[in-house]
C-alpha atoms as a PDB file:
ATOM      1  CA  MET A   1       9.610  26.460 -33.766  1.00  0.00           C
ATOM      2  CA  PRO A   2       6.537  26.242 -36.588  1.00  0.00           C
ATOM      3  CA  ASN A   3       5.738  29.608 -38.603  1.00  0.00           C
ATOM      4  CA  ILE A   4       2.558  28.654 -40.063  1.00  0.00           C
ATOM      5  CA  LYS A   5      -0.473  29.421 -37.879  1.00  0.00           C
ATOM      6  CA  SER A   6      -2.162  26.340 -37.899  1.00  0.00           C
ATOM      7  CA  ALA A   7       1.158  24.842 -37.265  1.00  0.00           C
ATOM      8  CA  ILE A   8       1.930  26.753 -34.075  1.00  0.00           C
ATOM      9  CA  LYS A   9      -2.141  26.009 -32.675  1.00  0.00           C
ATOM     10  CA  ARG A  10      -1.447  22.460 -33.097  1.00  0.00           C
ATOM     11  CA  VAL A  11       1.867  23.137 -31.030  1.00  0.00           C
ATOM     12  CA  LYS A  12      -0.329  24.640 -28.344  1.00  0.00           C
ATOM     13  CA  THR A  13      -2.735  21.974 -28.535  1.00  0.00           C
ATOM     14  CA  SER A  14      -0.777  19.039 -28.160  1.00  0.00           C
ATOM     15  CA  ASN A  15       1.653  20.803 -25.188  1.00  0.00           C
ATOM     16  CA  GLU A  16      -1.880  21.005 -23.020  1.00  0.00           C
ATOM     17  CA  SER A  17      -2.948  17.755 -24.101  1.00  0.00           C
ATOM     18  CA  ASN A  18       0.512  15.760 -22.908  1.00  0.00           C
ATOM     19  CA  ALA A  19       0.119  17.558 -19.299  1.00  0.00           C
ATOM     20  CA  HIS A  20      -3.572  17.166 -19.133  1.00  0.00           C
ATOM     21  CA  ASN A  21      -2.501  13.407 -20.252  1.00  0.00           C
ATOM     22  CA  SER A  22       0.513  13.426 -18.091  1.00  0.00           C
ATOM     23  CA  ALA A  23      -1.148  14.187 -14.876  1.00  0.00           C
ATOM     24  CA  MET A  24      -4.755  11.536 -15.325  1.00  0.00           C
ATOM     25  CA  LYS A  25      -1.608   8.977 -15.744  1.00  0.00           C
ATOM     26  CA  SER A  26      -0.540  10.216 -12.411  1.00  0.00           C
ATOM     27  CA  THR A  27      -3.339  10.218 -10.398  1.00  0.00           C
ATOM     28  CA  MET A  28      -4.315   7.050 -12.204  1.00  0.00           C
ATOM     29  CA  ARG A  29      -0.763   5.158 -10.825  1.00  0.00           C
ATOM     30  CA  THR A  30      -1.177   6.691  -7.336  1.00  0.00           C
ATOM     31  CA  ALA A  31      -4.553   5.484  -6.979  1.00  0.00           C
ATOM     32  CA  VAL A  32      -2.898   2.264  -7.342  1.00  0.00           C
ATOM     33  CA  LYS A  33      -0.006   2.657  -5.197  1.00  0.00           C
ATOM     34  CA  LYS A  34      -1.711   3.991  -2.688  1.00  0.00           C
ATOM     35  CA  PHE A  35      -4.110   0.657  -2.668  1.00  0.00           C
ATOM     36  CA  GLU A  36      -1.121  -1.801  -2.731  1.00  0.00           C
ATOM     37  CA  ALA A  37       0.457  -0.269  -0.274  1.00  0.00           C
ATOM     38  CA  ALA A  38      -2.712  -0.193   2.498  1.00  0.00           C
ATOM     39  CA  VAL A  39      -2.829  -3.691   1.019  1.00  0.00           C
ATOM     40  CA  ALA A  40       0.306  -4.778   2.087  1.00  0.00           C
ATOM     41  CA  ASN A  41       0.056  -2.562   5.387  1.00  0.00           C
ATOM     42  CA  LYS A  42      -3.122  -4.207   6.112  1.00  0.00           C
ATOM     43  CA  ASP A  43      -4.634  -1.526   6.420  1.00  0.00           C
ATOM     44  CA  GLU A  44      -8.878  -1.513   7.256  1.00  0.00           C
ATOM     45  CA  ASN A  45      -9.223   1.305   3.960  1.00  0.00           C
ATOM     46  CA  ALA A  46      -8.100  -0.360   1.739  1.00  0.00           C
ATOM     47  CA  LYS A  47     -11.343  -1.498  -0.191  1.00  0.00           C
ATOM     48  CA  ASP A  48     -12.310   2.531  -0.439  1.00  0.00           C
ATOM     49  CA  LEU A  49      -8.709   2.551  -2.024  1.00  0.00           C
ATOM     50  CA  LEU A  50      -9.811   0.136  -4.193  1.00  0.00           C
ATOM     51  CA  GLY A  51     -12.680   1.815  -5.305  1.00  0.00           C
ATOM     52  CA  THR A  52     -10.932   4.466  -6.006  1.00  0.00           C
ATOM     53  CA  ALA A  53      -8.084   2.794  -7.944  1.00  0.00           C
ATOM     54  CA  VAL A  54     -10.674   1.506  -9.770  1.00  0.00           C
ATOM     55  CA  SER A  55     -12.352   4.485 -10.651  1.00  0.00           C
ATOM     56  CA  GLN A  56      -9.160   6.380 -11.783  1.00  0.00           C
ATOM     57  CA  LEU A  57      -8.482   3.088 -14.108  1.00  0.00           C
ATOM     58  CA  ASP A  58     -11.577   3.569 -16.210  1.00  0.00           C
ATOM     59  CA  LYS A  59     -11.553   6.348 -16.710  1.00  0.00           C
ATOM     60  CA  ALA A  60      -8.271   6.551 -17.859  1.00  0.00           C
ATOM     61  CA  ALA A  61      -9.286   3.889 -20.228  1.00  0.00           C
ATOM     62  CA  SER A  62     -12.377   5.522 -21.035  1.00  0.00           C
ATOM     63  CA  LYS A  63     -10.271   8.922 -22.111  1.00  0.00           C
ATOM     64  CA  GLY A  64      -7.740   6.570 -24.548  1.00  0.00           C
ATOM     65  CA  LEU A  65      -5.253   7.316 -22.268  1.00  0.00           C
ATOM     66  CA  ILE A  66      -4.748   2.556 -21.790  1.00  0.00           C
ATOM     67  CA  HIS A  67      -6.256   0.083 -23.300  1.00  0.00           C
ATOM     68  CA  LYS A  68      -9.353  -1.014 -22.051  1.00  0.00           C
ATOM     69  CA  ASN A  69      -8.007  -4.825 -21.935  1.00  0.00           C
ATOM     70  CA  THR A  70      -5.571  -3.092 -19.429  1.00  0.00           C
ATOM     71  CA  ALA A  71      -7.453  -1.742 -17.298  1.00  0.00           C
ATOM     72  CA  ASP A  72      -9.732  -4.473 -16.864  1.00  0.00           C
ATOM     73  CA  ARG A  73      -6.373  -6.647 -15.955  1.00  0.00           C
ATOM     74  CA  GLN A  74      -5.232  -4.219 -13.936  1.00  0.00           C
ATOM     75  CA  LYS A  75      -8.389  -3.955 -11.694  1.00  0.00           C
ATOM     76  CA  ALA A  76      -8.443  -8.344 -11.536  1.00  0.00           C
ATOM     77  CA  ARG A  77      -4.911  -8.104 -10.667  1.00  0.00           C
ATOM     78  CA  LEU A  78      -5.475  -5.251  -7.610  1.00  0.00           C
ATOM     79  CA  MET A  79      -8.773  -7.551  -7.006  1.00  0.00           C
ATOM     80  CA  LYS A  80      -6.795 -10.454  -6.788  1.00  0.00           C
ATOM     81  CA  LYS A  81      -4.625  -9.048  -4.138  1.00  0.00           C
ATOM     82  CA  LEU A  82      -7.596  -7.711  -2.340  1.00  0.00           C
ATOM     83  CA  ASN A  83      -8.649 -10.493  -1.978  1.00  0.00           C
ATOM     84  CA  VAL A  84      -5.934 -12.569  -0.895  1.00  0.00           C
ATOM     85  CA  ALA A  85      -5.247 -10.316   1.691  1.00  0.00           C
ATOM     86  CA  ASN A  86      -8.514 -10.819   3.515  1.00  0.00           C
ATOM     87  CA  ALA A  87      -8.305 -14.682   3.556  1.00  0.00           C
END
């Protein structure tokens, strides 16, 4: 444990940021998994879940949790899954 006041504050803010980032990433992953499950079960709400998943991916990319290109690649793969399922 640090002794210097600024280092103590830094540890506290670092832990808070880590908790927030973990929650955001978890929300993103959950949205993607729900969409993929809906596509696998051929549910009608898959298109709505795609919008939610894309939104979460964009949000994570804008906050720096994942790289922009990673988000774009994942979105393209999700859209491709929906198109294959509808075809």
